Amino acid sequence: MVPKTKRKKELLMLKINKKPKSKAKRKSICEGLDLKRTNKKQLIFTIRFLEGVLQNQGATIKHLRETIAFQQKLINDTKESTTALGEKFYEIRQELEKQLEDCQKEKTDAVRAYQGLAKMGKFAEDMGIDLEKACEELPESEKNKYDFSQKHTVLESGRVKHEYNLKPKVKPKEGKGHYYFGKWYPDKKPKKPNGKGPK
């Protein structure tokens, strides 16, 4: 036989450990309806009430279908515009990569040219040439007496070949030559396109 105090403790523990009951499920209108005890008026009321509920649910379903169709159209439009933007981004990226590659080539050529000129300047100083005085006659100077051009070529061995060309400019003398398409021709004038002119 179990003592009373122990039994009370067990009952208390059971009450404490019991899980709270879930909320009762909603009962339908027809569940508690006893057809033998209901009259025609009650049945008609119930049918009309349920018909109204069904109509409201039908309208809700129609509205939700329209919403889903609108959202699907929006998703499709967004997908198309995103694809178009992606293609445009890809084209712009390709163009920028090409520009970057061209800029890199130009930079490399400029560095090679600078290194070649620096070496040439060092050799000139070693030979005893005064570069301060020579700077006055640089190719870009107006007082320049020569046409200057340079070319830098990378050989298969990886070395850079530097070529510098200096050609003396022909100075125009008054009355003994002329300019033709930006070039000086001494003594003779060219024939005109129609064949007339000095021979």
N, C-alpha and C. Protein backbone atom coordinates (compact mmCIF):
# COMPACT_ATOMS: atom_id res chain seq x y z
N MET A 1 0.82 -1.18 0.00
CA MET A 1 0.00 0.00 0.00
C MET A 1 0.87 1.26 0.00
N VAL A 2 0.47 2.21 -0.88
CA VAL A 2 1.24 3.44 -1.04
C VAL A 2 0.74 4.47 -0.05
N PRO A 3 1.66 5.12 0.65
CA PRO A 3 1.21 6.15 1.60
C PRO A 3 0.55 7.32 0.87
N LYS A 4 -0.35 8.01 1.58
CA LYS A 4 -1.14 9.10 0.99
C LYS A 4 -0.26 10.26 0.50
N THR A 5 0.75 10.61 1.27
CA THR A 5 1.60 11.74 0.88
C THR A 5 2.34 11.45 -0.42
N LYS A 6 2.78 10.19 -0.54
CA LYS A 6 3.48 9.81 -1.77
C LYS A 6 2.52 9.84 -2.96
N ARG A 7 1.30 9.39 -2.76
CA ARG A 7 0.31 9.37 -3.82
C ARG A 7 -0.05 10.79 -4.25
N LYS A 8 -0.17 11.69 -3.29
CA LYS A 8 -0.46 13.08 -3.61
C LYS A 8 0.66 13.70 -4.46
N LYS A 9 1.92 13.35 -4.10
CA LYS A 9 3.06 13.86 -4.86
C LYS A 9 3.01 13.36 -6.30
N GLU A 10 2.65 12.09 -6.48
CA GLU A 10 2.55 11.52 -7.82
C GLU A 10 1.47 12.22 -8.63
N LEU A 11 0.34 12.46 -8.01
CA LEU A 11 -0.75 13.16 -8.69
C LEU A 11 -0.34 14.59 -9.06
N LEU A 12 0.38 15.26 -8.16
CA LEU A 12 0.85 16.61 -8.44
C LEU A 12 1.84 16.61 -9.61
N MET A 13 2.73 15.61 -9.62
CA MET A 13 3.71 15.50 -10.70
C MET A 13 3.01 15.28 -12.05
N LEU A 14 1.96 14.44 -12.02
CA LEU A 14 1.22 14.18 -13.25
C LEU A 14 0.57 15.46 -13.77
N LYS A 15 0.02 16.24 -12.87
CA LYS A 15 -0.62 17.49 -13.26
C LYS A 15 0.40 18.48 -13.82
N ILE A 16 1.59 18.52 -13.19
CA ILE A 16 2.62 19.45 -13.65
C ILE A 16 3.17 19.02 -15.01
N ASN A 17 3.41 17.71 -15.21
CA ASN A 17 4.03 17.21 -16.42
C ASN A 17 3.07 17.12 -17.60
N LYS A 18 1.78 17.29 -17.37
CA LYS A 18 0.82 17.21 -18.47
C LYS A 18 1.05 18.37 -19.44
N LYS A 19 1.03 18.03 -20.73
CA LYS A 19 1.18 19.05 -21.76
C LYS A 19 -0.13 19.79 -21.90
N PRO A 20 -0.07 21.06 -22.16
CA PRO A 20 -1.32 21.81 -22.32
C PRO A 20 -2.05 21.31 -23.56
N LYS A 21 -3.37 21.21 -23.43
CA LYS A 21 -4.18 20.73 -24.55
C LYS A 21 -4.17 21.75 -25.67
N SER A 22 -4.11 21.23 -26.89
CA SER A 22 -4.16 22.13 -28.03
C SER A 22 -5.58 22.69 -28.13
N LYS A 23 -5.67 23.83 -28.79
CA LYS A 23 -6.98 24.47 -28.93
C LYS A 23 -7.91 23.53 -29.70
N ALA A 24 -9.14 23.53 -29.30
CA ALA A 24 -10.13 22.66 -29.93
C ALA A 24 -10.30 23.04 -31.39
N LYS A 25 -10.45 22.03 -32.23
CA LYS A 25 -10.64 22.27 -33.66
C LYS A 25 -11.99 22.93 -33.87
N ARG A 26 -12.02 23.77 -34.89
CA ARG A 26 -13.25 24.48 -35.18
C ARG A 26 -14.29 23.50 -35.73
N LYS A 27 -15.44 23.54 -35.17
CA LYS A 27 -16.51 22.64 -35.62
C LYS A 27 -17.25 23.27 -36.77
N SER A 28 -17.68 22.43 -37.70
CA SER A 28 -18.46 22.93 -38.81
C SER A 28 -19.90 23.14 -38.35
N ILE A 29 -20.63 23.89 -39.11
CA ILE A 29 -22.02 24.21 -38.75
C ILE A 29 -22.88 22.95 -38.77
N CYS A 30 -22.59 22.05 -39.68
CA CYS A 30 -23.45 20.88 -39.87
C CYS A 30 -23.17 19.76 -38.85
N GLU A 31 -22.07 19.83 -38.13
CA GLU A 31 -21.71 18.71 -37.24
C GLU A 31 -22.75 18.48 -36.14
N GLY A 32 -23.14 19.53 -35.51
CA GLY A 32 -24.09 19.37 -34.41
C GLY A 32 -25.55 19.40 -34.85
N LEU A 33 -25.79 19.34 -36.12
CA LEU A 33 -27.14 19.45 -36.66
C LEU A 33 -27.83 18.08 -36.67
N ASP A 34 -28.92 18.00 -36.01
CA ASP A 34 -29.69 16.75 -35.98
C ASP A 34 -30.87 16.96 -36.93
N LEU A 35 -30.87 16.21 -38.06
CA LEU A 35 -31.87 16.41 -39.09
C LEU A 35 -33.29 16.11 -38.62
N LYS A 36 -33.43 15.19 -37.65
CA LYS A 36 -34.76 14.85 -37.16
C LYS A 36 -35.37 15.99 -36.36
N ARG A 37 -34.52 16.81 -35.71
CA ARG A 37 -35.03 17.87 -34.86
C ARG A 37 -35.04 19.24 -35.55
N THR A 38 -34.44 19.35 -36.74
CA THR A 38 -34.39 20.66 -37.40
C THR A 38 -35.59 20.85 -38.31
N ASN A 39 -35.94 22.09 -38.47
CA ASN A 39 -37.06 22.37 -39.36
C ASN A 39 -36.52 22.95 -40.67
N LYS A 40 -37.40 23.20 -41.59
CA LYS A 40 -37.05 23.65 -42.93
C LYS A 40 -36.39 25.02 -42.89
N LYS A 41 -36.85 25.88 -42.02
CA LYS A 41 -36.32 27.23 -41.90
C LYS A 41 -34.84 27.20 -41.50
N GLN A 42 -34.49 26.34 -40.54
CA GLN A 42 -33.10 26.21 -40.08
C GLN A 42 -32.20 25.66 -41.21
N LEU A 43 -32.71 24.67 -41.96
CA LEU A 43 -31.93 24.11 -43.06
C LEU A 43 -31.67 25.16 -44.15
N ILE A 44 -32.67 25.93 -44.50
CA ILE A 44 -32.51 26.96 -45.53
C ILE A 44 -31.51 28.02 -45.07
N PHE A 45 -31.60 28.41 -43.78
CA PHE A 45 -30.65 29.38 -43.23
C PHE A 45 -29.22 28.84 -43.35
N THR A 46 -29.03 27.57 -42.98
CA THR A 46 -27.69 26.96 -43.02
C THR A 46 -27.17 26.90 -44.46
N ILE A 47 -28.04 26.51 -45.39
CA ILE A 47 -27.64 26.40 -46.78
C ILE A 47 -27.27 27.77 -47.34
N ARG A 48 -28.04 28.79 -47.05
CA ARG A 48 -27.75 30.14 -47.53
C ARG A 48 -26.43 30.66 -46.93
N PHE A 49 -26.24 30.38 -45.66
CA PHE A 49 -25.01 30.81 -44.99
C PHE A 49 -23.80 30.15 -45.66
N LEU A 50 -23.87 28.85 -45.90
CA LEU A 50 -22.76 28.12 -46.52
C LEU A 50 -22.54 28.59 -47.96
N GLU A 51 -23.64 28.90 -48.66
CA GLU A 51 -23.52 29.41 -50.02
C GLU A 51 -22.77 30.74 -50.04
N GLY A 52 -23.06 31.62 -49.07
CA GLY A 52 -22.34 32.90 -48.95
C GLY A 52 -20.86 32.69 -48.68
N VAL A 53 -20.54 31.71 -47.80
CA VAL A 53 -19.15 31.40 -47.50
C VAL A 53 -18.43 30.93 -48.77
N LEU A 54 -19.09 30.04 -49.54
CA LEU A 54 -18.49 29.53 -50.77
C LEU A 54 -18.27 30.64 -51.79
N GLN A 55 -19.24 31.57 -51.90
CA GLN A 55 -19.08 32.68 -52.84
C GLN A 55 -17.90 33.57 -52.45
N ASN A 56 -17.76 33.85 -51.15
CA ASN A 56 -16.64 34.65 -50.67
C ASN A 56 -15.30 33.95 -50.95
N GLN A 57 -15.26 32.64 -50.73
CA GLN A 57 -14.03 31.89 -51.00
C GLN A 57 -13.72 31.86 -52.49
N GLY A 58 -14.77 31.74 -53.33
CA GLY A 58 -14.57 31.78 -54.78
C GLY A 58 -13.99 33.12 -55.23
N ALA A 59 -14.52 34.22 -54.67
CA ALA A 59 -14.01 35.56 -55.02
C ALA A 59 -12.56 35.70 -54.56
N THR A 60 -12.24 35.15 -53.38
CA THR A 60 -10.86 35.20 -52.88
C THR A 60 -9.93 34.42 -53.81
N ILE A 61 -10.37 33.24 -54.23
CA ILE A 61 -9.56 32.40 -55.14
C ILE A 61 -9.34 33.13 -56.47
N LYS A 62 -10.39 33.77 -57.01
CA LYS A 62 -10.26 34.51 -58.26
C LYS A 62 -9.25 35.65 -58.11
N HIS A 63 -9.35 36.38 -57.00
CA HIS A 63 -8.42 37.48 -56.74
C HIS A 63 -6.98 36.96 -56.62
N LEU A 64 -6.79 35.84 -55.93
CA LEU A 64 -5.45 35.27 -55.77
C LEU A 64 -4.89 34.79 -57.12
N ARG A 65 -5.76 34.25 -57.97
CA ARG A 65 -5.30 33.82 -59.31
C ARG A 65 -4.82 35.03 -60.13
N GLU A 66 -5.59 36.12 -60.07
CA GLU A 66 -5.18 37.34 -60.77
C GLU A 66 -3.85 37.86 -60.23
N THR A 67 -3.69 37.82 -58.92
CA THR A 67 -2.44 38.27 -58.29
C THR A 67 -1.27 37.40 -58.75
N ILE A 68 -1.49 36.10 -58.77
CA ILE A 68 -0.42 35.17 -59.19
C ILE A 68 -0.06 35.42 -60.66
N ALA A 69 -1.08 35.64 -61.52
CA ALA A 69 -0.81 35.89 -62.94
C ALA A 69 -0.01 37.19 -63.11
N PHE A 70 -0.39 38.24 -62.36
CA PHE A 70 0.33 39.51 -62.43
C PHE A 70 1.77 39.34 -61.97
N GLN A 71 1.96 38.63 -60.87
CA GLN A 71 3.32 38.43 -60.34
C GLN A 71 4.16 37.57 -61.30
N GLN A 72 3.54 36.59 -61.96
CA GLN A 72 4.28 35.76 -62.92
C GLN A 72 4.72 36.61 -64.12
N LYS A 73 3.81 37.51 -64.59
CA LYS A 73 4.17 38.41 -65.70
C LYS A 73 5.31 39.32 -65.29
N LEU A 74 5.25 39.82 -64.05
CA LEU A 74 6.31 40.69 -63.54
C LEU A 74 7.64 39.94 -63.46
N ILE A 75 7.59 38.70 -63.01
CA ILE A 75 8.81 37.87 -62.92
C ILE A 75 9.39 37.66 -64.32
N ASN A 76 8.54 37.35 -65.30
CA ASN A 76 9.02 37.13 -66.67
C ASN A 76 9.65 38.39 -67.26
N ASP A 77 8.99 39.56 -67.03
CA ASP A 77 9.54 40.82 -67.52
C ASP A 77 10.89 41.12 -66.87
N THR A 78 10.96 40.90 -65.58
CA THR A 78 12.21 41.14 -64.85
C THR A 78 13.31 40.21 -65.36
N LYS A 79 12.93 38.96 -65.63
CA LYS A 79 13.91 38.00 -66.14
C LYS A 79 14.46 38.44 -67.49
N GLU A 80 13.57 38.93 -68.39
CA GLU A 80 14.00 39.40 -69.71
C GLU A 80 14.93 40.61 -69.59
N SER A 81 14.53 41.58 -68.75
CA SER A 81 15.36 42.78 -68.61
C SER A 81 16.70 42.44 -67.95
N THR A 82 16.70 41.50 -67.01
CA THR A 82 17.95 41.08 -66.37
C THR A 82 18.86 40.41 -67.38
N THR A 83 18.30 39.58 -68.25
CA THR A 83 19.10 38.93 -69.29
C THR A 83 19.70 39.97 -70.24
N ALA A 84 18.87 40.96 -70.64
CA ALA A 84 19.36 42.02 -71.54
C ALA A 84 20.48 42.82 -70.87
N LEU A 85 20.30 43.15 -69.59
CA LEU A 85 21.34 43.89 -68.87
C LEU A 85 22.61 43.06 -68.74
N GLY A 86 22.46 41.76 -68.52
CA GLY A 86 23.62 40.88 -68.42
C GLY A 86 24.41 40.85 -69.72
N GLU A 87 23.69 40.77 -70.86
CA GLU A 87 24.36 40.78 -72.16
C GLU A 87 25.07 42.11 -72.41
N LYS A 88 24.39 43.22 -72.07
CA LYS A 88 25.00 44.54 -72.25
C LYS A 88 26.23 44.67 -71.36
N PHE A 89 26.14 44.21 -70.12
CA PHE A 89 27.28 44.25 -69.20
C PHE A 89 28.44 43.44 -69.76
N TYR A 90 28.15 42.27 -70.35
CA TYR A 90 29.20 41.43 -70.92
C TYR A 90 29.90 42.14 -72.08
N GLU A 91 29.11 42.80 -72.96
CA GLU A 91 29.69 43.53 -74.08
C GLU A 91 30.57 44.68 -73.60
N ILE A 92 30.07 45.43 -72.61
CA ILE A 92 30.86 46.55 -72.07
C ILE A 92 32.14 46.03 -71.43
N ARG A 93 32.03 44.91 -70.73
CA ARG A 93 33.21 44.33 -70.09
C ARG A 93 34.25 43.92 -71.13
N GLN A 94 33.79 43.31 -72.24
CA GLN A 94 34.72 42.91 -73.30
C GLN A 94 35.41 44.14 -73.89
N GLU A 95 34.63 45.21 -74.11
CA GLU A 95 35.20 46.44 -74.67
C GLU A 95 36.23 47.05 -73.71
N LEU A 96 35.89 47.08 -72.42
CA LEU A 96 36.82 47.64 -71.43
C LEU A 96 38.09 46.79 -71.31
N GLU A 97 37.95 45.47 -71.41
CA GLU A 97 39.13 44.61 -71.37
C GLU A 97 40.04 44.88 -72.57
N LYS A 98 39.42 45.11 -73.74
CA LYS A 98 40.21 45.43 -74.93
C LYS A 98 40.93 46.77 -74.75
N GLN A 99 40.21 47.77 -74.21
CA GLN A 99 40.83 49.08 -73.97
C GLN A 99 41.97 48.95 -72.97
N LEU A 100 41.76 48.14 -71.94
CA LEU A 100 42.81 47.93 -70.94
C LEU A 100 44.04 47.29 -71.57
N GLU A 101 43.81 46.32 -72.44
CA GLU A 101 44.92 45.65 -73.12
C GLU A 101 45.67 46.65 -74.01
N ASP A 102 44.94 47.50 -74.73
CA ASP A 102 45.59 48.51 -75.57
C ASP A 102 46.40 49.50 -74.73
N CYS A 103 45.80 49.92 -73.60
CA CYS A 103 46.52 50.84 -72.70
C CYS A 103 47.78 50.19 -72.14
N GLN A 104 47.68 48.90 -71.82
CA GLN A 104 48.84 48.18 -71.31
C GLN A 104 49.95 48.13 -72.36
N LYS A 105 49.57 47.90 -73.64
CA LYS A 105 50.56 47.88 -74.72
C LYS A 105 51.22 49.25 -74.87
N GLU A 106 50.39 50.32 -74.85
CA GLU A 106 50.93 51.67 -74.96
C GLU A 106 51.88 51.98 -73.81
N LYS A 107 51.49 51.57 -72.62
CA LYS A 107 52.35 51.81 -71.44
C LYS A 107 53.67 51.07 -71.59
N THR A 108 53.59 49.82 -72.02
CA THR A 108 54.81 49.02 -72.19
C THR A 108 55.72 49.65 -73.25
N ASP A 109 55.13 50.12 -74.36
CA ASP A 109 55.92 50.77 -75.40
C ASP A 109 56.58 52.04 -74.87
N ALA A 110 55.83 52.82 -74.08
CA ALA A 110 56.37 54.06 -73.52
C ALA A 110 57.53 53.76 -72.56
N VAL A 111 57.37 52.71 -71.74
CA VAL A 111 58.43 52.34 -70.80
C VAL A 111 59.67 51.89 -71.57
N ARG A 112 59.46 51.10 -72.62
CA ARG A 112 60.60 50.65 -73.44
C ARG A 112 61.31 51.85 -74.07
N ALA A 113 60.52 52.78 -74.61
CA ALA A 113 61.11 53.96 -75.23
C ALA A 113 61.90 54.76 -74.20
N TYR A 114 61.34 54.94 -73.02
CA TYR A 114 62.03 55.69 -71.96
C TYR A 114 63.33 54.99 -71.57
N GLN A 115 63.27 53.68 -71.40
CA GLN A 115 64.48 52.94 -71.03
C GLN A 115 65.54 53.06 -72.11
N GLY A 116 65.13 52.99 -73.37
CA GLY A 116 66.09 53.13 -74.47
C GLY A 116 66.71 54.51 -74.47
N LEU A 117 65.89 55.55 -74.28
CA LEU A 117 66.42 56.91 -74.25
C LEU A 117 67.33 57.12 -73.04
N ALA A 118 66.97 56.52 -71.91
CA ALA A 118 67.81 56.64 -70.72
C ALA A 118 69.18 56.00 -70.96
N LYS A 119 69.19 54.83 -71.58
CA LYS A 119 70.46 54.16 -71.90
C LYS A 119 71.28 55.00 -72.87
N MET A 120 70.58 55.55 -73.88
CA MET A 120 71.27 56.37 -74.86
C MET A 120 71.85 57.62 -74.19
N GLY A 121 71.12 58.23 -73.27
CA GLY A 121 71.61 59.39 -72.53
C GLY A 121 72.83 59.04 -71.69
N LYS A 122 72.80 57.86 -71.06
CA LYS A 122 73.94 57.42 -70.25
C LYS A 122 75.17 57.21 -71.13
N PHE A 123 74.97 56.58 -72.29
CA PHE A 123 76.09 56.38 -73.21
C PHE A 123 76.65 57.73 -73.68
N ALA A 124 75.73 58.68 -73.95
CA ALA A 124 76.17 59.99 -74.41
C ALA A 124 77.00 60.69 -73.34
N GLU A 125 76.56 60.63 -72.08
CA GLU A 125 77.32 61.23 -70.99
C GLU A 125 78.68 60.57 -70.84
N ASP A 126 78.72 59.23 -71.01
CA ASP A 126 80.00 58.51 -70.92
C ASP A 126 80.95 58.94 -72.05
N MET A 127 80.38 59.34 -73.19
CA MET A 127 81.20 59.77 -74.32
C MET A 127 81.61 61.24 -74.18
N GLY A 128 81.09 61.92 -73.16
CA GLY A 128 81.47 63.31 -72.91
C GLY A 128 80.56 64.32 -73.56
N ILE A 129 79.35 63.94 -73.98
CA ILE A 129 78.41 64.87 -74.60
C ILE A 129 77.64 65.60 -73.52
N ASP A 130 77.50 66.92 -73.67
CA ASP A 130 76.77 67.73 -72.70
C ASP A 130 75.27 67.65 -73.02
N LEU A 131 74.53 66.97 -72.18
CA LEU A 131 73.09 66.78 -72.43
C LEU A 131 72.27 68.04 -72.20
N GLU A 132 72.75 68.93 -71.33
CA GLU A 132 72.03 70.19 -71.10
C GLU A 132 71.95 70.99 -72.40
N LYS A 133 73.07 71.05 -73.07
CA LYS A 133 73.11 71.78 -74.34
C LYS A 133 72.30 71.03 -75.40
N ALA A 134 72.39 69.70 -75.36
CA ALA A 134 71.68 68.90 -76.36
C ALA A 134 70.17 68.97 -76.18
N CYS A 135 69.71 69.25 -74.95
CA CYS A 135 68.25 69.33 -74.70
C CYS A 135 67.60 70.45 -75.49
N GLU A 136 68.39 71.48 -75.81
CA GLU A 136 67.83 72.59 -76.58
C GLU A 136 67.49 72.15 -78.00
N GLU A 137 68.11 71.06 -78.45
CA GLU A 137 67.87 70.59 -79.81
C GLU A 137 67.13 69.26 -79.84
N LEU A 138 66.24 69.08 -78.89
CA LEU A 138 65.43 67.86 -78.86
C LEU A 138 64.50 67.81 -80.06
N PRO A 139 64.01 66.59 -80.43
CA PRO A 139 63.13 66.46 -81.59
C PRO A 139 61.89 67.34 -81.53
N GLU A 140 61.33 67.56 -80.34
CA GLU A 140 60.10 68.34 -80.25
C GLU A 140 60.35 69.85 -80.23
N SER A 141 61.63 70.26 -80.21
CA SER A 141 61.98 71.67 -80.19
C SER A 141 61.74 72.29 -81.55
N GLU A 142 61.34 73.59 -81.57
CA GLU A 142 61.10 74.29 -82.83
C GLU A 142 62.41 74.53 -83.58
N LYS A 143 63.50 74.60 -82.84
CA LYS A 143 64.80 74.86 -83.46
C LYS A 143 65.41 73.59 -84.03
N ASN A 144 64.68 72.50 -83.97
CA ASN A 144 65.23 71.22 -84.41
C ASN A 144 65.61 71.24 -85.88
N LYS A 145 66.74 70.64 -86.16
CA LYS A 145 67.22 70.62 -87.54
C LYS A 145 66.98 69.27 -88.19
N TYR A 146 66.42 68.32 -87.43
CA TYR A 146 66.28 66.96 -87.94
C TYR A 146 64.85 66.44 -87.75
N ASP A 147 64.47 65.51 -88.63
CA ASP A 147 63.26 64.73 -88.42
C ASP A 147 63.66 63.53 -87.57
N PHE A 148 63.01 63.39 -86.42
CA PHE A 148 63.38 62.34 -85.46
C PHE A 148 62.29 61.28 -85.43
N SER A 149 62.69 60.00 -85.47
CA SER A 149 61.72 58.90 -85.28
C SER A 149 62.41 57.80 -84.49
N GLN A 150 61.62 57.06 -83.76
CA GLN A 150 62.17 55.97 -82.96
C GLN A 150 61.28 54.75 -83.07
N LYS A 151 61.88 53.57 -82.92
CA LYS A 151 61.15 52.31 -83.00
C LYS A 151 61.76 51.35 -81.99
N HIS A 152 60.91 50.64 -81.25
CA HIS A 152 61.36 49.71 -80.22
C HIS A 152 60.71 48.36 -80.51
N THR A 153 61.52 47.34 -80.74
CA THR A 153 61.02 46.02 -81.11
C THR A 153 61.49 44.99 -80.10
N VAL A 154 60.56 44.13 -79.64
CA VAL A 154 60.93 43.05 -78.73
C VAL A 154 61.33 41.85 -79.57
N LEU A 155 62.55 41.37 -79.36
CA LEU A 155 63.05 40.22 -80.11
C LEU A 155 62.57 38.93 -79.47
N GLU A 156 62.73 37.82 -80.17
CA GLU A 156 62.30 36.52 -79.63
C GLU A 156 63.05 36.16 -78.36
N SER A 157 64.29 36.65 -78.25
CA SER A 157 65.09 36.35 -77.06
C SER A 157 64.59 37.11 -75.84
N GLY A 158 63.70 38.09 -76.05
CA GLY A 158 63.18 38.87 -74.93
C GLY A 158 63.86 40.23 -74.82
N ARG A 159 64.96 40.42 -75.53
CA ARG A 159 65.64 41.71 -75.51
C ARG A 159 64.88 42.70 -76.38
N VAL A 160 65.13 44.00 -76.12
CA VAL A 160 64.45 45.05 -76.88
C VAL A 160 65.45 45.72 -77.81
N LYS A 161 65.08 45.80 -79.08
CA LYS A 161 65.93 46.45 -80.08
C LYS A 161 65.42 47.88 -80.26
N HIS A 162 66.32 48.88 -80.05
CA HIS A 162 65.95 50.29 -80.17
C HIS A 162 66.53 50.83 -81.47
N GLU A 163 65.71 51.53 -82.24
CA GLU A 163 66.16 52.17 -83.48
C GLU A 163 65.79 53.65 -83.42
N TYR A 164 66.79 54.51 -83.66
CA TYR A 164 66.57 55.95 -83.68
C TYR A 164 67.02 56.48 -85.04
N ASN A 165 66.19 57.27 -85.67
CA ASN A 165 66.50 57.82 -86.99
C ASN A 165 66.49 59.35 -86.92
N LEU A 166 67.56 59.96 -87.42
CA LEU A 166 67.65 61.41 -87.52
C LEU A 166 67.91 61.75 -88.98
N LYS A 167 67.00 62.51 -89.59
CA LYS A 167 67.18 62.94 -90.98
C LYS A 167 67.21 64.47 -90.98
N PRO A 168 68.20 65.04 -91.62
CA PRO A 168 68.24 66.51 -91.66
C PRO A 168 67.05 67.07 -92.44
N LYS A 169 66.48 68.12 -91.89
CA LYS A 169 65.36 68.78 -92.58
C LYS A 169 65.93 69.73 -93.63
N VAL A 170 65.23 69.81 -94.75
CA VAL A 170 65.63 70.76 -95.79
C VAL A 170 65.01 72.10 -95.44
N LYS A 171 65.87 73.10 -95.26
CA LYS A 171 65.36 74.42 -94.90
C LYS A 171 64.91 75.13 -96.17
N PRO A 172 63.71 75.69 -96.14
CA PRO A 172 63.25 76.40 -97.33
C PRO A 172 64.04 77.70 -97.54
N LYS A 173 64.41 77.93 -98.76
CA LYS A 173 65.07 79.18 -99.10
C LYS A 173 64.08 80.01 -99.90
N GLU A 174 64.05 81.27 -99.64
CA GLU A 174 63.07 82.14 -100.29
C GLU A 174 63.29 82.18 -101.79
N GLY A 175 62.21 81.94 -102.53
CA GLY A 175 62.26 82.03 -103.97
C GLY A 175 62.84 80.81 -104.66
N LYS A 176 63.35 79.84 -103.95
CA LYS A 176 63.99 78.70 -104.59
C LYS A 176 63.27 77.39 -104.24
N GLY A 177 61.99 77.40 -104.05
CA GLY A 177 61.25 76.19 -103.75
C GLY A 177 59.82 76.50 -103.35
N HIS A 178 59.10 75.48 -102.97
CA HIS A 178 57.71 75.69 -102.59
C HIS A 178 57.23 74.51 -101.70
N TYR A 179 56.10 74.75 -101.03
CA TYR A 179 55.46 73.70 -100.24
C TYR A 179 54.39 73.03 -101.09
N TYR A 180 54.32 71.73 -101.03
CA TYR A 180 53.28 70.99 -101.75
C TYR A 180 52.77 69.89 -100.82
N PHE A 181 51.50 70.01 -100.38
CA PHE A 181 50.88 69.09 -99.42
C PHE A 181 51.73 68.96 -98.16
N GLY A 182 52.21 70.09 -97.65
CA GLY A 182 52.93 70.11 -96.39
C GLY A 182 54.39 69.71 -96.50
N LYS A 183 54.91 69.49 -97.70
CA LYS A 183 56.30 69.09 -97.89
C LYS A 183 57.02 70.13 -98.74
N TRP A 184 58.27 70.42 -98.42
CA TRP A 184 59.04 71.43 -99.15
C TRP A 184 59.74 70.79 -100.34
N TYR A 185 59.55 71.40 -101.51
CA TYR A 185 60.21 70.96 -102.73
C TYR A 185 61.10 72.10 -103.23
N PRO A 186 62.42 71.89 -103.24
CA PRO A 186 63.29 72.99 -103.71
C PRO A 186 63.26 73.12 -105.24
N ASP A 187 63.41 74.35 -105.71
CA ASP A 187 63.60 74.71 -107.12
C ASP A 187 62.41 74.45 -108.03
N LYS A 188 61.84 73.29 -108.13
CA LYS A 188 60.81 72.97 -109.12
C LYS A 188 59.42 73.02 -108.51
N LYS A 189 58.47 73.50 -109.29
CA LYS A 189 57.08 73.46 -108.89
C LYS A 189 56.43 72.25 -109.54
N PRO A 190 55.57 71.52 -108.85
CA PRO A 190 54.94 70.36 -109.47
C PRO A 190 53.90 70.78 -110.50
N LYS A 191 53.62 69.88 -111.42
CA LYS A 191 52.60 70.13 -112.42
C LYS A 191 51.24 70.08 -111.76
N LYS A 192 50.33 70.89 -112.28
CA LYS A 192 48.96 70.86 -111.76
C LYS A 192 48.27 69.61 -112.26
N PRO A 193 47.23 69.14 -111.57
CA PRO A 193 46.55 67.90 -111.97
C PRO A 193 46.00 67.92 -113.39
N ASN A 194 45.67 69.10 -113.94
CA ASN A 194 45.12 69.15 -115.30
C ASN A 194 46.23 69.19 -116.36
N GLY A 195 47.46 69.15 -115.94
CA GLY A 195 48.59 69.12 -116.88
C GLY A 195 49.14 70.49 -117.20
N LYS A 196 48.47 71.56 -116.78
CA LYS A 196 48.96 72.91 -117.04
C LYS A 196 49.90 73.33 -115.93
N GLY A 197 50.73 74.23 -116.24
CA GLY A 197 51.65 74.75 -115.24
C GLY A 197 53.05 74.77 -115.76
N PRO A 198 54.01 75.30 -114.98
CA PRO A 198 55.39 75.40 -115.47
C PRO A 198 56.00 74.03 -115.66
N LYS A 199 56.87 73.93 -116.66
CA LYS A 199 57.53 72.66 -116.96
C LYS A 199 58.92 72.66 -116.40
